[in-house]
């Protein structure tokens, strides 16, 4: 490209590096985005090498890495659109308008994502300065325990599958309000899926309670999908239809089904795993004939001891948002944005996005056009 740049007050020879790094609009945008740039990223004087460094050294697993890479992509697209508007429509956008548009799009994307990487105070301060509120997952400890029925009896059921599909089995127990075990069972089902094992275990438990004359006041399962299926009377899959239909017919009220945490359903889980391990069926009364590996869970539930559950919840960060001039926040080096040159850099902008399909069709148009010349 030998023509003069139409985006600068003082026209200069135009090439890819000048268009995306050195023209007046690009300088303003790079100065604004500089605090987001990771120290690992090298700002080369060649745009292709610079973007290659961004793709290699920026991590999208953290909020600031995602914001940095996404902002650079939007910035380059905005520079290209502004160049085309100046050349073919005699219009242009101010740097402040472009910055506000980029901030709006990045903030919207951050609000839809949830990150697992914790933020350090410096990165959090930078994101807050830009007006971004990332959401990240936090882990909390919750104490849970098995709650006995207020009246009549409760049924706990669970299924186990060593692979999906692989060998599977189910188990369950009927207990009273004192936590005493009245009946237990475990059945081996052969090859199947985990959901089939859970549905069959529920069906077997209901059969056992009905045939033995136990009136159930609540039915516990640690599968939210199964509980919703029974309550809403929506079949899970045709493979489990026959057992699902029988289970629905044996439940007098859909409200009897209740979801519980896995930690409070350990006895049924231990019985189901025992069935898969020993590969046979058994029904027995009381707790004396329980397998040795299941007695610990029974004792914990009956004594009312608490179990610890790790809960992952989503939180976002809140703080003051600055919409003033583009001053560098505290903790970030001040001064001009410096680009270093490197010989033997990437020669074609098209190579840069060869394996980056997620950038989108619009950016592909920019790269293709820039490779052909402005």
Protein backbone atom coordinates (compact mmCIF):
# COMPACT_ATOMS: atom_id res chain seq x y z
CA UNK A 1 0.00 0.00 0.00
CA UNK A 2 1.54 3.26 -1.11
CA UNK A 3 -1.43 5.63 -0.59
CA UNK A 4 -1.61 8.05 2.33
CA UNK A 5 -3.57 7.23 5.45
CA UNK A 6 -7.01 8.85 5.52
CA UNK A 7 -7.38 8.33 9.29
CA UNK A 8 -4.62 10.72 10.40
CA UNK A 9 -4.53 14.51 10.66
CA UNK A 10 -1.07 14.45 9.12
CA UNK A 11 -1.22 11.97 6.21
CA UNK A 12 1.52 9.38 6.16
CA UNK A 13 2.32 6.33 4.07
CA UNK A 14 -0.14 3.61 4.89
CA UNK A 15 0.48 -0.08 5.61
CA UNK A 16 -0.94 -2.68 7.99
CA UNK A 17 1.31 -1.63 10.86
CA UNK A 18 0.42 2.04 10.48
CA UNK A 19 -3.31 1.36 10.15
CA UNK A 20 -3.65 -0.82 13.26
CA UNK A 21 -0.88 0.60 15.46
CA UNK A 22 0.41 4.04 14.48
CA UNK A 23 -2.52 6.04 13.11
CA UNK A 24 -4.22 8.59 15.38
CA UNK A 25 -7.26 6.45 16.24
CA UNK A 26 -5.23 3.30 16.85
CA UNK A 27 -2.83 5.14 19.18
CA UNK A 28 -5.76 6.38 21.30
CA UNK A 29 -7.32 2.92 21.48
CA UNK A 30 -4.03 1.18 22.32
CA UNK A 31 -3.40 3.72 25.07
CA UNK A 32 -6.85 2.97 26.51
CA UNK A 33 -6.49 -0.80 26.35
CA UNK A 34 -2.93 -0.92 27.68
CA UNK A 35 -3.83 -1.58 31.37
CA UNK A 36 -5.60 -4.81 30.34
CA UNK A 37 -2.57 -6.20 28.51
CA UNK A 38 -0.87 -9.08 30.27
CA UNK A 39 2.84 -8.66 31.10
CA UNK A 40 3.47 -11.83 29.11
CA UNK A 41 2.22 -10.21 25.90
CA UNK A 42 4.84 -8.44 23.80
CA UNK A 43 3.57 -5.41 21.93
CA UNK A 44 5.51 -5.79 18.69
CA UNK A 45 5.76 -3.01 16.14
CA UNK A 46 4.33 -5.41 13.52
CA UNK A 47 0.60 -5.98 13.94
CA UNK A 48 0.73 -9.65 12.91
CA UNK A 49 3.44 -10.47 15.45
CA UNK A 50 1.63 -8.40 18.07
CA UNK A 51 -1.64 -10.30 17.60
CA UNK A 52 0.18 -13.59 17.56
CA UNK A 53 1.64 -12.72 20.94
CA UNK A 54 -1.86 -11.89 22.23
CA UNK A 55 -3.23 -15.25 21.07
CA UNK A 56 -0.32 -17.21 22.49
CA UNK A 57 0.12 -15.45 25.83
CA UNK A 58 -3.41 -14.35 26.77
CA UNK A 59 -5.54 -16.82 28.71
CA UNK A 60 -9.31 -16.71 28.40
CA UNK A 61 -9.69 -18.72 31.62
CA UNK A 62 -9.33 -15.52 33.65
CA UNK A 63 -11.62 -12.47 33.40
CA UNK A 64 -8.80 -10.03 32.63
CA UNK A 65 -7.33 -12.31 29.96
CA UNK A 66 -10.70 -12.69 28.27
CA UNK A 67 -11.38 -8.95 28.46
CA UNK A 68 -7.94 -8.18 27.04
CA UNK A 69 -8.16 -10.49 24.03
CA UNK A 70 -11.79 -9.65 23.26
CA UNK A 71 -11.11 -5.92 23.53
CA UNK A 72 -8.16 -6.13 21.13
CA UNK A 73 -10.26 -8.00 18.56
CA UNK A 74 -13.08 -5.47 18.84
CA UNK A 75 -10.60 -2.61 18.70
CA UNK A 76 -9.01 -3.82 15.45
CA UNK A 77 -12.42 -4.39 13.91
CA UNK A 78 -13.44 -0.85 14.91
CA UNK A 79 -10.27 0.62 13.38
CA UNK A 80 -10.97 -1.19 10.14
CA UNK A 81 -14.62 -0.06 10.07
CA UNK A 82 -13.57 3.52 10.76
CA UNK A 83 -11.03 3.39 7.91
CA UNK A 84 -13.71 2.11 5.49
CA UNK A 85 -16.22 4.74 6.66
CA UNK A 86 -13.72 7.53 6.10
CA UNK A 87 -12.76 6.29 2.66
CA UNK A 88 -16.13 5.33 1.18
CA UNK A 89 -18.73 7.26 3.21
CA UNK A 90 -16.74 10.31 4.39
CA UNK A 91 -17.81 9.64 7.98
CA UNK A 92 -15.91 8.55 11.04
CA UNK A 93 -16.38 7.68 14.72
CA UNK A 94 -14.67 9.34 17.64
CA UNK A 95 -12.35 7.33 19.86
CA UNK A 96 -14.62 7.88 22.87
CA UNK A 97 -17.62 6.41 21.05
CA UNK A 98 -15.62 3.37 19.97
CA UNK A 99 -14.31 2.85 23.50
CA UNK A 100 -17.82 2.98 24.95
CA UNK A 101 -19.04 0.44 22.38
CA UNK A 102 -16.17 -1.93 23.16
CA UNK A 103 -16.74 -1.59 26.91
CA UNK A 104 -20.44 -2.34 26.46
CA UNK A 105 -19.82 -5.50 24.42
CA UNK A 106 -17.07 -6.80 26.73
CA UNK A 107 -19.15 -6.08 29.84
CA UNK A 108 -22.11 -7.95 28.37
CA UNK A 109 -19.95 -10.97 27.52
CA UNK A 110 -18.38 -11.01 31.00
CA UNK A 111 -21.83 -10.95 32.60
CA UNK A 112 -22.73 -14.13 30.68
CA UNK A 113 -19.61 -16.06 31.67
CA UNK A 114 -18.50 -17.65 34.92
CA UNK A 115 -14.80 -18.01 35.67
CA UNK A 116 -13.13 -20.47 38.01
CA UNK A 117 -9.91 -18.51 38.41
CA UNK A 118 -9.82 -16.24 41.47
CA UNK A 119 -8.87 -12.62 40.86
CA UNK A 120 -5.92 -10.99 42.52
CA UNK A 121 -6.49 -7.44 43.87
CA UNK A 122 -4.53 -5.77 41.09
CA UNK A 123 -6.49 -7.42 38.27
CA UNK A 124 -9.76 -6.79 40.08
CA UNK A 125 -8.87 -3.10 40.43
CA UNK A 126 -8.11 -2.84 36.71
CA UNK A 127 -11.38 -4.54 35.70
CA UNK A 128 -13.37 -2.32 38.02
CA UNK A 129 -11.70 0.74 36.55
CA UNK A 130 -12.87 -0.37 33.12
CA UNK A 131 -16.37 -0.91 34.49
CA UNK A 132 -16.32 -4.71 34.17
CA UNK A 133 -17.99 -6.93 36.77
CA UNK A 134 -16.79 -10.52 36.24
CA UNK A 135 -18.62 -13.49 37.70
CA UNK A 136 -16.59 -16.28 39.23
CA UNK A 137 -17.34 -19.45 41.13
CA UNK A 138 -16.65 -19.73 44.81
CA UNK A 139 -16.59 -22.86 46.96
CA UNK A 140 -18.42 -23.00 50.25
CA UNK A 141 -18.80 -25.69 52.87
CA UNK A 142 -22.30 -26.73 53.85
CA UNK A 143 -23.25 -29.10 56.65
CA UNK A 144 -26.02 -31.53 55.70
CA UNK A 145 -27.58 -34.62 57.29
CA UNK A 146 -30.26 -37.21 56.64
CA UNK A 147 -33.63 -36.00 57.94
CA UNK A 148 -35.96 -38.77 59.17
CA UNK A 149 -39.65 -38.73 58.19
CA UNK A 150 -42.08 -36.94 60.50
CA UNK A 151 -44.47 -39.87 60.33
CA UNK A 152 -44.75 -43.28 58.67
CA UNK A 153 -41.67 -44.36 56.67
CA UNK A 154 -39.15 -42.96 54.22
CA UNK A 155 -37.59 -44.65 51.19
CA UNK A 156 -34.05 -43.83 50.01
CA UNK A 157 -33.00 -45.18 46.62
CA UNK A 158 -29.98 -44.81 44.38
CA UNK A 159 -28.35 -46.39 41.35
CA UNK A 160 -24.71 -47.07 40.51
CA UNK A 161 -23.03 -47.59 37.15
CA UNK A 162 -19.33 -48.26 36.58
CA UNK A 163 -19.24 -46.56 33.21
CA UNK A 164 -22.06 -45.27 31.08
CA UNK A 165 -23.21 -47.69 29.82
CA UNK A 166 -21.57 -50.45 31.83
CA UNK A 167 -22.56 -52.82 34.62
CA UNK A 168 -25.07 -51.18 36.92
CA UNK A 169 -27.13 -51.88 40.00
CA UNK A 170 -29.47 -50.27 42.47
CA UNK A 171 -30.21 -50.25 46.15
CA UNK A 172 -32.37 -48.67 48.79
CA UNK A 173 -33.72 -48.82 52.32
CA UNK A 174 -36.95 -48.18 54.24
CA UNK A 175 -36.57 -46.40 57.59
CA UNK A 176 -38.87 -45.04 60.27
CA UNK A 177 -38.87 -41.71 62.09
CA UNK A 178 -36.25 -42.98 64.57
CA UNK A 179 -33.82 -43.87 61.82
CA UNK A 180 -34.28 -47.61 62.30
CA UNK A 181 -33.82 -49.66 59.13
CA UNK A 182 -36.80 -51.91 58.43
CA UNK A 183 -35.98 -53.27 54.98
CA UNK A 184 -33.02 -53.09 52.62
CA UNK A 185 -32.37 -54.32 49.12
CA UNK A 186 -29.74 -54.31 46.41
CA UNK A 187 -30.20 -55.60 42.86
CA UNK A 188 -27.74 -56.17 40.03
CA UNK A 189 -29.15 -55.06 36.66
CA UNK A 190 -26.40 -56.07 34.24
CA UNK A 191 -25.33 -53.67 31.50
CA UNK A 192 -27.15 -50.34 31.47
CA UNK A 193 -26.87 -46.62 32.04
CA UNK A 194 -26.79 -44.71 35.31
CA UNK A 195 -30.28 -43.31 34.75
CA UNK A 196 -31.72 -46.75 34.06
CA UNK A 197 -30.16 -47.96 37.32
CA UNK A 198 -31.74 -45.08 39.26
CA UNK A 199 -35.19 -45.61 37.73
CA UNK A 200 -35.08 -49.37 38.33
CA UNK A 201 -33.90 -48.84 41.93
CA UNK A 202 -36.86 -46.51 42.52
CA UNK A 203 -39.25 -49.03 40.98
CA UNK A 204 -37.82 -51.90 43.08
CA UNK A 205 -38.02 -49.83 46.26
CA UNK A 206 -41.65 -48.92 45.63
CA UNK A 207 -42.50 -52.55 44.87
CA UNK A 208 -40.89 -53.63 48.13
CA UNK A 209 -42.70 -50.98 50.18
CA UNK A 210 -46.06 -51.81 48.59
CA UNK A 211 -45.74 -55.59 48.95
CA UNK A 212 -44.54 -55.31 52.56
CA UNK A 213 -47.28 -52.88 53.59
CA UNK A 214 -45.11 -49.85 54.42
CA UNK A 215 -46.79 -46.47 54.01
CA UNK A 216 -44.30 -43.99 52.65
CA UNK A 217 -44.45 -40.33 53.61
CA UNK A 218 -41.39 -39.31 51.59
CA UNK A 219 -39.09 -40.77 48.92
CA UNK A 220 -35.50 -39.55 48.66
CA UNK A 221 -33.25 -39.62 45.59
CA UNK A 222 -30.05 -37.69 44.87
CA UNK A 223 -30.93 -37.45 41.16
CA UNK A 224 -32.61 -34.12 40.42
CA UNK A 225 -33.41 -35.32 36.91
CA UNK A 226 -35.28 -38.36 38.22
CA UNK A 227 -37.17 -36.33 40.82
CA UNK A 228 -38.27 -33.76 38.21
CA UNK A 229 -39.30 -36.54 35.85
CA UNK A 230 -41.56 -38.15 38.44
CA UNK A 231 -43.04 -34.87 39.71
CA UNK A 232 -43.71 -33.52 36.22
CA UNK A 233 -44.62 -36.96 34.82
CA UNK A 234 -42.22 -36.60 31.91
CA UNK A 235 -40.55 -39.79 30.76
CA UNK A 236 -36.76 -39.85 30.78
CA UNK A 237 -36.10 -42.27 27.89
CA UNK A 238 -37.83 -45.11 26.14
CA UNK A 239 -35.28 -47.60 27.52
CA UNK A 240 -36.51 -46.98 31.05
CA UNK A 241 -40.17 -46.42 30.18
CA UNK A 242 -41.59 -49.63 31.65
CA UNK A 243 -39.96 -49.10 35.07
CA UNK A 244 -40.70 -45.38 35.01
CA UNK A 245 -44.38 -45.97 34.28
CA UNK A 246 -44.66 -48.52 37.08
CA UNK A 247 -42.90 -46.21 39.52
CA UNK A 248 -45.30 -43.36 38.66
CA UNK A 249 -48.29 -45.67 39.20
CA UNK A 250 -46.99 -46.79 42.61
CA UNK A 251 -46.51 -43.25 43.91
CA UNK A 252 -49.79 -42.01 45.33
CA UNK A 253 -48.73 -38.35 45.24
CA UNK A 254 -45.95 -36.89 43.05
CA UNK A 255 -45.07 -34.56 45.95
CA UNK A 256 -43.66 -37.53 47.87
CA UNK A 257 -40.52 -37.45 45.71
CA UNK A 258 -37.81 -35.25 47.16
CA UNK A 259 -34.29 -34.46 46.01
CA UNK A 260 -31.48 -34.76 48.56
CA UNK A 261 -27.72 -34.29 48.43
CA UNK A 262 -25.55 -37.31 47.77
CA UNK A 263 -24.04 -36.98 51.24
CA UNK A 264 -27.45 -37.63 52.83
CA UNK A 265 -28.15 -40.63 50.59
CA UNK A 266 -25.01 -42.60 51.39
CA UNK A 267 -26.71 -45.78 52.61
CA UNK A 268 -28.64 -46.26 49.36
CA UNK A 269 -25.50 -45.41 47.40
CA UNK A 270 -23.46 -47.98 49.34
CA UNK A 271 -26.08 -50.68 48.69
CA UNK A 272 -26.13 -49.86 44.96
CA UNK A 273 -22.35 -50.04 44.73
CA UNK A 274 -22.35 -53.33 46.64
CA UNK A 275 -24.77 -54.78 44.06
CA UNK A 276 -22.45 -53.83 41.19
CA UNK A 277 -19.43 -55.21 43.03
CA UNK A 278 -20.90 -58.62 44.05
CA UNK A 279 -23.36 -58.97 41.12
CA UNK A 280 -26.34 -60.54 42.87
CA UNK A 281 -29.73 -59.58 44.31
CA UNK A 282 -30.83 -59.59 47.93
CA UNK A 283 -33.69 -58.29 50.07
CA UNK A 284 -33.47 -58.45 53.86
CA UNK A 285 -35.14 -57.08 56.98
CA UNK A 286 -33.50 -54.93 59.60
CA UNK A 287 -29.92 -53.74 59.84
CA UNK A 288 -28.26 -56.90 61.14
CA UNK A 289 -27.80 -58.41 57.69
CA UNK A 290 -26.49 -55.24 56.09
CA UNK A 291 -23.17 -55.60 54.24
CA UNK A 292 -20.28 -54.44 56.38
CA UNK A 293 -19.45 -51.61 53.95
CA UNK A 294 -22.94 -50.15 54.43
CA UNK A 295 -23.16 -50.13 58.22
CA UNK A 296 -21.08 -46.97 58.62
CA UNK A 297 -23.51 -44.89 56.54
CA UNK A 298 -26.47 -46.30 58.47
CA UNK A 299 -24.87 -45.38 61.83
CA UNK A 300 -24.07 -41.82 60.68
CA UNK A 301 -27.64 -41.23 59.48
CA UNK A 302 -29.25 -42.68 62.59
CA UNK A 303 -27.05 -40.69 64.97
CA UNK A 304 -27.78 -37.43 63.11
CA UNK A 305 -24.13 -36.66 62.47
CA UNK A 306 -23.46 -33.93 59.93
CA UNK A 307 -21.79 -34.45 56.57
CA UNK A 308 -19.72 -31.82 54.80
CA UNK A 309 -20.72 -30.84 51.28
CA UNK A 310 -18.69 -28.58 48.99
CA UNK A 311 -20.99 -26.21 47.13
CA UNK A 312 -19.88 -24.17 44.13
CA UNK A 313 -21.78 -20.92 43.79
CA UNK A 314 -21.49 -18.00 41.38
CA UNK A 315 -20.57 -14.54 42.64
CA UNK A 316 -19.74 -11.30 40.97
CA UNK A 317 -17.51 -8.46 42.09
CA UNK A 318 -18.87 -5.00 42.69
CA UNK A 319 -17.01 -1.71 42.91
CA UNK A 320 -16.82 1.84 41.74
CA UNK A 321 -16.84 2.41 38.00
CA UNK A 322 -14.88 5.30 36.50
CA UNK A 323 -16.18 6.84 33.29
CA UNK A 324 -13.78 9.79 33.20
CA UNK A 325 -10.80 10.35 31.02
CA UNK A 326 -8.58 7.46 30.06
CA UNK A 327 -6.11 7.74 32.91
CA UNK A 328 -4.04 4.73 33.85
CA UNK A 329 -5.31 3.19 37.15
CA UNK A 330 -3.02 2.95 40.15
CA UNK A 331 -0.67 -0.01 40.14
CA UNK A 332 -0.30 0.09 36.36
CA UNK A 333 2.85 1.54 34.75
CA UNK A 334 2.26 4.98 33.29
CA UNK A 335 3.64 6.41 30.11
CA UNK A 336 3.30 5.80 26.44
CA UNK A 337 2.53 2.41 24.96
CA UNK A 338 5.74 1.07 23.47
CA UNK A 339 5.82 -1.44 20.62
CA UNK A 340 9.00 -3.43 20.06
CA UNK A 341 10.12 -4.61 16.66
CA UNK A 342 11.05 -8.16 15.86
CA UNK A 343 12.65 -9.44 12.72
CA UNK A 344 11.33 -12.53 11.10
CA UNK A 345 7.81 -11.99 12.40
CA UNK A 346 4.65 -13.47 10.93
CA UNK A 347 4.53 -12.36 7.34
CA UNK A 348 0.84 -12.74 6.54
CA UNK A 349 -2.10 -11.63 8.65
CA UNK A 350 -4.09 -14.54 7.27
CA UNK A 351 -1.74 -17.01 9.01
CA UNK A 352 -2.53 -15.40 12.34
CA UNK A 353 -6.09 -16.66 12.47
CA UNK A 354 -5.56 -19.96 10.71
CA UNK A 355 -6.75 -22.04 13.66
CA UNK A 356 -8.83 -19.46 15.50
CA UNK A 357 -12.37 -20.09 14.30
CA UNK A 358 -13.99 -18.56 17.38
CA UNK A 359 -13.01 -15.01 16.43
CA UNK A 360 -15.93 -14.84 14.00
CA UNK A 361 -16.66 -14.14 10.41
CA UNK A 362 -16.32 -10.38 10.75
CA UNK A 363 -12.72 -10.57 11.84
CA UNK A 364 -12.00 -12.99 9.00
CA UNK A 365 -13.23 -10.31 6.60
CA UNK A 366 -10.83 -7.80 8.14
CA UNK A 367 -7.85 -10.12 7.87
CA UNK A 368 -8.65 -11.07 4.29
CA UNK A 369 -9.06 -7.45 3.23
CA UNK A 370 -5.90 -6.36 4.98
CA UNK A 371 -3.91 -9.12 3.35
CA UNK A 372 -5.12 -7.95 -0.05
CA UNK A 373 -4.34 -4.30 0.70
CA UNK A 374 -6.39 -1.28 1.74
